[in-house]
N, C-alpha and C. Protein backbone atom coordinates (compact mmCIF):
# COMPACT_ATOMS: atom_id res chain seq x y z
N UNK A 1 0.52 -1.22 0.01
CA UNK A 1 -0.03 0.04 0.05
C UNK A 1 0.80 1.36 0.06
N UNK A 2 1.81 1.34 -1.03
CA UNK A 2 2.57 2.59 -0.87
C UNK A 2 1.79 3.73 -1.22
N UNK A 3 2.43 4.78 -0.85
CA UNK A 3 1.90 6.22 -1.04
C UNK A 3 1.32 6.83 0.02
N UNK A 4 0.61 8.07 -0.22
CA UNK A 4 -0.12 8.66 0.99
C UNK A 4 -1.68 8.79 0.64
N UNK A 5 -2.38 8.59 1.67
CA UNK A 5 -3.75 8.78 1.64
C UNK A 5 -4.55 9.62 2.41
N UNK A 6 -5.63 10.02 1.93
CA UNK A 6 -6.57 11.15 2.49
C UNK A 6 -7.88 10.32 3.19
N UNK A 7 -8.26 10.80 4.55
CA UNK A 7 -9.34 10.33 4.99
C UNK A 7 -10.31 11.34 4.97
N UNK A 8 -11.33 11.41 4.45
CA UNK A 8 -12.31 12.46 4.41
C UNK A 8 -13.64 12.27 4.76
N UNK A 9 -14.43 13.33 5.24
CA UNK A 9 -15.80 13.24 5.80
C UNK A 9 -16.62 14.01 4.97
N UNK A 10 -17.92 13.65 4.64
CA UNK A 10 -18.84 14.21 3.89
C UNK A 10 -20.18 14.04 4.74
N UNK A 11 -21.02 14.70 4.46
CA UNK A 11 -22.48 14.46 4.90
C UNK A 11 -23.19 13.10 4.41
N UNK A 12 -23.88 12.67 5.47
CA UNK A 12 -24.63 11.28 5.06
C UNK A 12 -25.19 11.03 4.03
N UNK A 13 -26.11 12.30 3.34
CA UNK A 13 -26.66 12.25 2.31
C UNK A 13 -25.97 12.53 0.90
N UNK A 14 -24.69 12.91 1.14
CA UNK A 14 -23.88 13.07 -0.24
C UNK A 14 -23.77 11.98 -1.01
N UNK A 15 -23.87 12.04 -2.32
CA UNK A 15 -23.33 11.01 -3.03
C UNK A 15 -21.84 10.68 -3.26
N UNK A 16 -21.70 9.45 -3.39
CA UNK A 16 -20.24 8.87 -3.62
C UNK A 16 -19.72 9.33 -4.92
N UNK A 17 -18.57 10.18 -4.88
CA UNK A 17 -18.18 10.89 -6.17
C UNK A 17 -18.07 9.89 -7.43
N UNK A 18 -18.28 10.21 -8.49
CA UNK A 18 -18.74 9.02 -9.36
C UNK A 18 -17.67 8.39 -9.99
N UNK A 19 -16.35 9.13 -10.06
CA UNK A 19 -15.30 8.50 -10.25
C UNK A 19 -14.50 8.18 -9.22
N UNK A 20 -15.11 7.71 -8.15
CA UNK A 20 -14.21 7.48 -7.00
C UNK A 20 -13.46 6.17 -6.87
N UNK A 21 -14.44 5.03 -7.61
CA UNK A 21 -13.96 3.70 -7.62
C UNK A 21 -13.16 3.51 -8.94
N UNK A 22 -12.72 4.26 -9.81
CA UNK A 22 -12.11 4.07 -11.02
C UNK A 22 -10.82 4.23 -11.04
N UNK A 23 -10.10 4.74 -9.93
CA UNK A 23 -8.73 5.05 -9.91
C UNK A 23 -7.87 3.64 -9.65
N UNK A 24 -6.54 3.98 -9.37
CA UNK A 24 -5.60 2.78 -9.04
C UNK A 24 -5.59 3.15 -7.30
N UNK A 25 -5.20 1.91 -6.66
CA UNK A 25 -5.09 1.78 -5.40
C UNK A 25 -5.97 1.50 -4.62
N UNK A 26 -5.82 1.72 -3.13
CA UNK A 26 -7.02 1.43 -2.30
C UNK A 26 -7.84 2.76 -2.09
N UNK A 27 -9.10 2.15 -2.21
CA UNK A 27 -10.33 3.14 -1.62
C UNK A 27 -11.02 2.76 -0.88
N UNK A 28 -11.75 3.31 -0.27
CA UNK A 28 -12.82 2.97 0.84
C UNK A 28 -13.88 3.87 0.87
N UNK A 29 -15.25 3.49 0.85
CA UNK A 29 -16.40 4.47 1.22
C UNK A 29 -17.10 3.73 2.28
N UNK A 30 -17.57 4.39 3.18
CA UNK A 30 -18.37 3.82 4.30
C UNK A 30 -19.33 4.86 4.81
N UNK A 31 -20.86 4.32 4.74
CA UNK A 31 -21.65 5.42 5.10
C UNK A 31 -22.39 5.13 6.46
N UNK A 32 -22.66 5.72 7.31
CA UNK A 32 -23.49 5.64 8.39
C UNK A 32 -24.85 6.61 8.24
N UNK A 33 -25.47 6.72 9.22
CA UNK A 33 -26.50 7.52 9.48
C UNK A 33 -25.87 9.01 9.78
N UNK A 34 -24.66 9.03 9.91
CA UNK A 34 -24.26 10.38 10.30
C UNK A 34 -23.17 10.89 9.45
N UNK A 35 -22.40 9.97 8.53
CA UNK A 35 -21.52 10.71 7.75
C UNK A 35 -21.29 9.64 6.44
N UNK A 36 -20.64 10.13 5.69
CA UNK A 36 -19.95 9.22 4.65
C UNK A 36 -18.36 9.42 4.79
N UNK A 37 -17.69 8.45 5.01
CA UNK A 37 -16.16 8.52 5.21
C UNK A 37 -15.62 7.69 3.98
N UNK A 38 -14.55 8.56 3.40
CA UNK A 38 -13.81 8.31 2.33
C UNK A 38 -12.46 8.08 2.62
N UNK A 39 -11.75 7.20 2.19
CA UNK A 39 -10.29 6.82 2.17
C UNK A 39 -9.77 6.62 0.62
N UNK A 40 -8.94 7.58 0.31
CA UNK A 40 -8.31 7.59 -1.33
C UNK A 40 -6.90 7.86 -1.06
N UNK A 41 -6.23 7.62 -2.37
CA UNK A 41 -4.87 7.83 -2.48
C UNK A 41 -4.85 9.57 -2.62
N UNK A 42 -3.82 10.22 -2.08
CA UNK A 42 -3.71 11.55 -1.68
C UNK A 42 -3.67 12.29 -3.00
N UNK A 43 -3.08 11.56 -4.26
CA UNK A 43 -3.24 12.41 -5.46
C UNK A 43 -4.49 12.50 -6.08
N UNK A 44 -5.56 11.79 -5.70
CA UNK A 44 -6.87 12.13 -6.03
C UNK A 44 -7.59 13.26 -5.34
N UNK A 45 -8.31 13.83 -6.44
CA UNK A 45 -8.97 15.10 -5.75
C UNK A 45 -10.46 15.10 -5.63
N UNK A 46 -11.32 15.10 -4.24
CA UNK A 46 -12.45 15.07 -4.34
C UNK A 46 -13.03 16.18 -3.66
N UNK A 47 -14.10 16.75 -3.81
CA UNK A 47 -14.77 17.99 -2.95
C UNK A 47 -15.27 17.21 -1.69
N UNK A 48 -14.54 17.65 -0.57
CA UNK A 48 -15.03 16.93 0.71
C UNK A 48 -15.49 18.06 1.58
N UNK A 49 -16.18 17.70 2.73
CA UNK A 49 -16.46 18.71 4.10
C UNK A 49 -15.28 18.91 4.84
N UNK A 50 -14.70 17.81 5.09
CA UNK A 50 -13.40 17.86 5.98
C UNK A 50 -12.60 16.80 5.48
N UNK A 51 -11.27 17.04 5.46
CA UNK A 51 -10.21 16.06 5.14
C UNK A 51 -9.14 16.13 6.17
N UNK A 52 -8.47 14.76 6.23
CA UNK A 52 -7.22 14.63 7.07
C UNK A 52 -6.07 14.15 6.11
N UNK A 53 -5.32 14.99 5.44
CA UNK A 53 -4.30 14.19 4.63
C UNK A 53 -3.18 13.59 5.33
N UNK A 54 -2.33 13.08 4.49
CA UNK A 54 -1.08 12.63 4.94
C UNK A 54 -1.04 11.06 5.81
N UNK A 55 -1.83 10.07 5.31
CA UNK A 55 -1.85 8.79 6.14
C UNK A 55 -1.00 7.97 5.25
N UNK A 56 -0.54 6.80 5.92
CA UNK A 56 -0.04 5.73 5.07
C UNK A 56 -0.67 4.38 5.62
N UNK A 57 -0.67 3.70 4.65
CA UNK A 57 -1.53 2.38 4.93
C UNK A 57 -0.66 1.28 5.04
N UNK A 58 -1.07 0.31 5.89
CA UNK A 58 -0.39 -0.90 6.04
C UNK A 58 -1.91 -1.85 5.90
N UNK A 59 -1.54 -3.14 5.23
CA UNK A 59 -2.26 -4.17 4.88
C UNK A 59 -2.02 -5.58 5.76
N UNK A 60 -2.93 -6.08 6.59
CA UNK A 60 -2.72 -6.95 7.59
C UNK A 60 -2.59 -8.24 6.69
N UNK A 61 -1.78 -8.92 6.70
CA UNK A 61 -1.70 -10.21 5.58
C UNK A 61 -2.77 -11.10 5.63
N UNK A 62 -3.53 -11.43 4.59
CA UNK A 62 -4.97 -12.07 4.86
C UNK A 62 -4.94 -13.14 3.58
N UNK A 63 -6.01 -13.85 3.46
CA UNK A 63 -7.40 -13.79 4.11
C UNK A 63 -7.37 -14.23 5.54
N UNK A 64 -8.06 -13.53 6.40
CA UNK A 64 -8.22 -13.85 7.76
C UNK A 64 -9.69 -14.67 8.14
N UNK A 65 -9.60 -15.73 8.47
CA UNK A 65 -10.82 -16.33 8.94
C UNK A 65 -11.66 -15.48 10.09
N UNK A 66 -12.76 -15.51 9.97
CA UNK A 66 -13.55 -14.97 10.93
C UNK A 66 -13.37 -15.48 12.56
N UNK A 67 -13.06 -16.78 12.32
CA UNK A 67 -12.70 -17.36 13.60
C UNK A 67 -11.32 -16.90 14.22
N UNK A 68 -10.71 -16.40 13.61
CA UNK A 68 -9.18 -15.93 14.22
C UNK A 68 -9.30 -14.64 15.18
N UNK A 69 -9.04 -14.58 16.37
CA UNK A 69 -9.43 -13.50 17.05
C UNK A 69 -8.09 -12.85 17.70
N UNK A 70 -8.23 -11.69 17.92
CA UNK A 70 -7.40 -10.78 18.84
C UNK A 70 -6.36 -10.11 17.67
N UNK A 71 -6.36 -10.40 16.53
CA UNK A 71 -5.17 -9.69 15.53
C UNK A 71 -5.31 -8.33 15.41
N UNK A 72 -6.70 -7.78 15.43
CA UNK A 72 -6.53 -6.30 15.39
C UNK A 72 -6.42 -5.62 16.81
N UNK A 73 -6.76 -6.45 17.81
CA UNK A 73 -6.47 -6.04 18.95
C UNK A 73 -5.12 -5.94 19.38
N UNK A 74 -4.23 -6.90 18.84
CA UNK A 74 -2.69 -6.96 19.41
C UNK A 74 -2.06 -5.93 18.57
N UNK A 75 -2.62 -5.66 17.22
CA UNK A 75 -1.81 -4.49 16.43
C UNK A 75 -2.47 -3.44 16.93
N UNK A 76 -3.49 -3.15 17.33
CA UNK A 76 -3.67 -1.70 17.65
C UNK A 76 -3.47 -1.56 19.16
N UNK A 77 -3.44 -2.76 19.78
CA UNK A 77 -2.76 -2.25 21.25
C UNK A 77 -1.31 -2.06 21.16
N UNK A 78 -0.38 -2.48 20.19
CA UNK A 78 0.90 -2.07 20.19
C UNK A 78 1.16 -0.82 19.66
N UNK A 79 0.13 -0.35 18.49
CA UNK A 79 0.45 0.99 18.19
C UNK A 79 -0.01 2.04 19.23
N UNK A 80 -1.30 1.80 20.26
CA UNK A 80 -1.47 2.61 21.30
C UNK A 80 -0.31 2.44 22.40
N UNK A 81 0.47 1.45 22.69
CA UNK A 81 1.35 1.55 23.60
C UNK A 81 2.59 2.43 23.21
N UNK A 82 2.54 2.50 21.84
CA UNK A 82 3.54 3.56 21.15
C UNK A 82 3.21 4.87 21.03
N UNK A 83 1.87 5.24 21.31
CA UNK A 83 1.43 6.42 21.31
C UNK A 83 1.28 6.71 19.57
N UNK A 84 0.73 5.98 19.10
CA UNK A 84 0.61 6.05 17.42
C UNK A 84 -0.77 6.10 17.06
N UNK A 85 -1.64 7.01 16.62
CA UNK A 85 -2.99 7.16 16.21
C UNK A 85 -3.08 6.26 15.06
N UNK A 86 -4.44 5.76 15.13
CA UNK A 86 -4.52 4.67 14.01
C UNK A 86 -6.18 4.91 13.50
N UNK A 87 -6.21 4.89 12.35
CA UNK A 87 -7.54 4.54 11.55
C UNK A 87 -7.48 3.43 11.08
N UNK A 88 -8.53 2.44 11.27
CA UNK A 88 -8.58 1.10 10.99
C UNK A 88 -9.77 0.71 10.01
N UNK A 89 -9.59 -0.12 9.02
CA UNK A 89 -10.68 -0.41 8.38
C UNK A 89 -10.79 -1.88 8.11
N UNK A 90 -11.76 -2.69 8.15
CA UNK A 90 -11.91 -4.02 7.81
C UNK A 90 -12.66 -4.26 6.85
N UNK A 91 -12.18 -5.36 5.97
CA UNK A 91 -12.97 -5.55 4.77
C UNK A 91 -13.33 -7.34 5.32
N UNK A 92 -14.02 -8.04 4.21
CA UNK A 92 -14.17 -9.60 4.40
C UNK A 92 -12.77 -10.15 4.69
N UNK A 93 -12.01 -9.95 3.93
CA UNK A 93 -10.69 -10.76 4.07
C UNK A 93 -9.57 -10.44 4.91
N UNK A 94 -9.56 -9.09 5.20
CA UNK A 94 -8.47 -8.38 6.04
C UNK A 94 -8.51 -7.29 6.62
N UNK A 95 -7.73 -6.69 7.23
CA UNK A 95 -7.90 -5.29 8.03
C UNK A 95 -6.84 -4.41 7.42
N UNK A 96 -7.01 -3.20 7.49
CA UNK A 96 -6.10 -2.29 6.92
C UNK A 96 -5.94 -1.19 7.99
N UNK A 97 -4.70 -0.78 8.17
CA UNK A 97 -4.41 0.09 9.47
C UNK A 97 -3.77 1.33 8.84
N UNK A 98 -4.28 2.41 9.09
CA UNK A 98 -3.82 3.91 8.16
C UNK A 98 -3.27 4.73 9.61
N UNK A 99 -1.86 5.20 9.43
CA UNK A 99 -1.15 5.74 10.33
C UNK A 99 -0.92 7.16 9.95
N UNK A 100 -0.71 8.16 10.58
CA UNK A 100 -0.34 9.61 10.03
C UNK A 100 1.29 9.51 9.76
N UNK A 101 1.60 10.01 8.63
CA UNK A 101 3.08 10.00 8.11
C UNK A 101 3.94 10.43 8.99
N UNK A 102 3.53 11.41 10.06
CA UNK A 102 4.70 11.73 10.75
C UNK A 102 4.90 10.84 11.94
N UNK A 103 4.13 9.68 11.91
CA UNK A 103 4.10 8.46 12.96
C UNK A 103 4.44 7.26 12.31
N UNK A 104 5.07 7.36 11.02
CA UNK A 104 5.24 6.05 10.50
C UNK A 104 6.30 5.20 11.06
N UNK A 105 7.43 6.05 11.29
CA UNK A 105 8.59 5.20 11.98
C UNK A 105 8.22 4.44 13.30
N UNK A 106 7.74 5.35 13.91
CA UNK A 106 7.04 4.73 15.32
C UNK A 106 6.28 3.41 15.12
N UNK A 107 5.21 3.52 14.12
CA UNK A 107 4.38 2.70 14.05
C UNK A 107 5.09 1.38 13.40
N UNK A 108 6.06 1.57 12.61
CA UNK A 108 6.92 0.39 12.11
C UNK A 108 7.52 -0.27 13.08
N UNK A 109 8.06 0.51 14.13
CA UNK A 109 8.71 -0.10 15.38
C UNK A 109 7.82 -1.02 16.36
N UNK A 110 6.72 -0.33 16.42
CA UNK A 110 5.86 -0.65 17.29
C UNK A 110 5.02 -2.18 16.80
N UNK A 111 4.72 -2.16 15.29
CA UNK A 111 4.22 -3.32 14.75
C UNK A 111 5.26 -4.60 14.63
N UNK A 112 6.52 -4.13 14.54
CA UNK A 112 7.43 -5.31 14.39
C UNK A 112 7.83 -5.81 15.69
N UNK A 113 7.23 -5.55 16.79
CA UNK A 113 7.41 -6.03 17.77
C UNK A 113 6.20 -7.47 17.90
N UNK A 114 5.12 -7.14 17.07
CA UNK A 114 4.09 -8.15 17.27
C UNK A 114 3.79 -8.82 15.90
N UNK A 115 4.37 -8.36 14.83
CA UNK A 115 3.86 -9.11 13.62
C UNK A 115 5.07 -8.86 12.55
N UNK A 116 4.89 -9.67 11.65
CA UNK A 116 5.95 -9.56 10.64
C UNK A 116 5.73 -8.40 9.62
N UNK A 117 6.61 -7.80 9.24
CA UNK A 117 6.67 -6.53 8.23
C UNK A 117 7.65 -6.94 7.18
N UNK A 118 6.85 -6.87 5.91
CA UNK A 118 7.70 -7.19 4.66
C UNK A 118 8.59 -6.02 4.55
N UNK A 119 9.83 -6.25 3.84
CA UNK A 119 10.75 -5.23 3.47
C UNK A 119 10.26 -4.60 2.43
């Protein structure tokens, strides 16, 4: 998951941008009763209500079985212990962890203690 990502918020009733799913890289759209959250590569440009730029993403090796327990807890706990903020997204097959770019090195050190990190 190379590159920088943006995490954005829109009103719950706003349509997902029509070209949101047409580019390269990881994207995620999640709608609740209160908001529409988007995660997308930083080089993309969408009109959003609020945006947090400069995230880096890590994919947990998967696919993970639903019967496997504690994986996200171990990873998020290691990051919390290191003082690293986390934005997590789960899909059917695996989990994705987004960390602010300025905390990337701290995150890598913390995750290396509990998981195999590919070079």
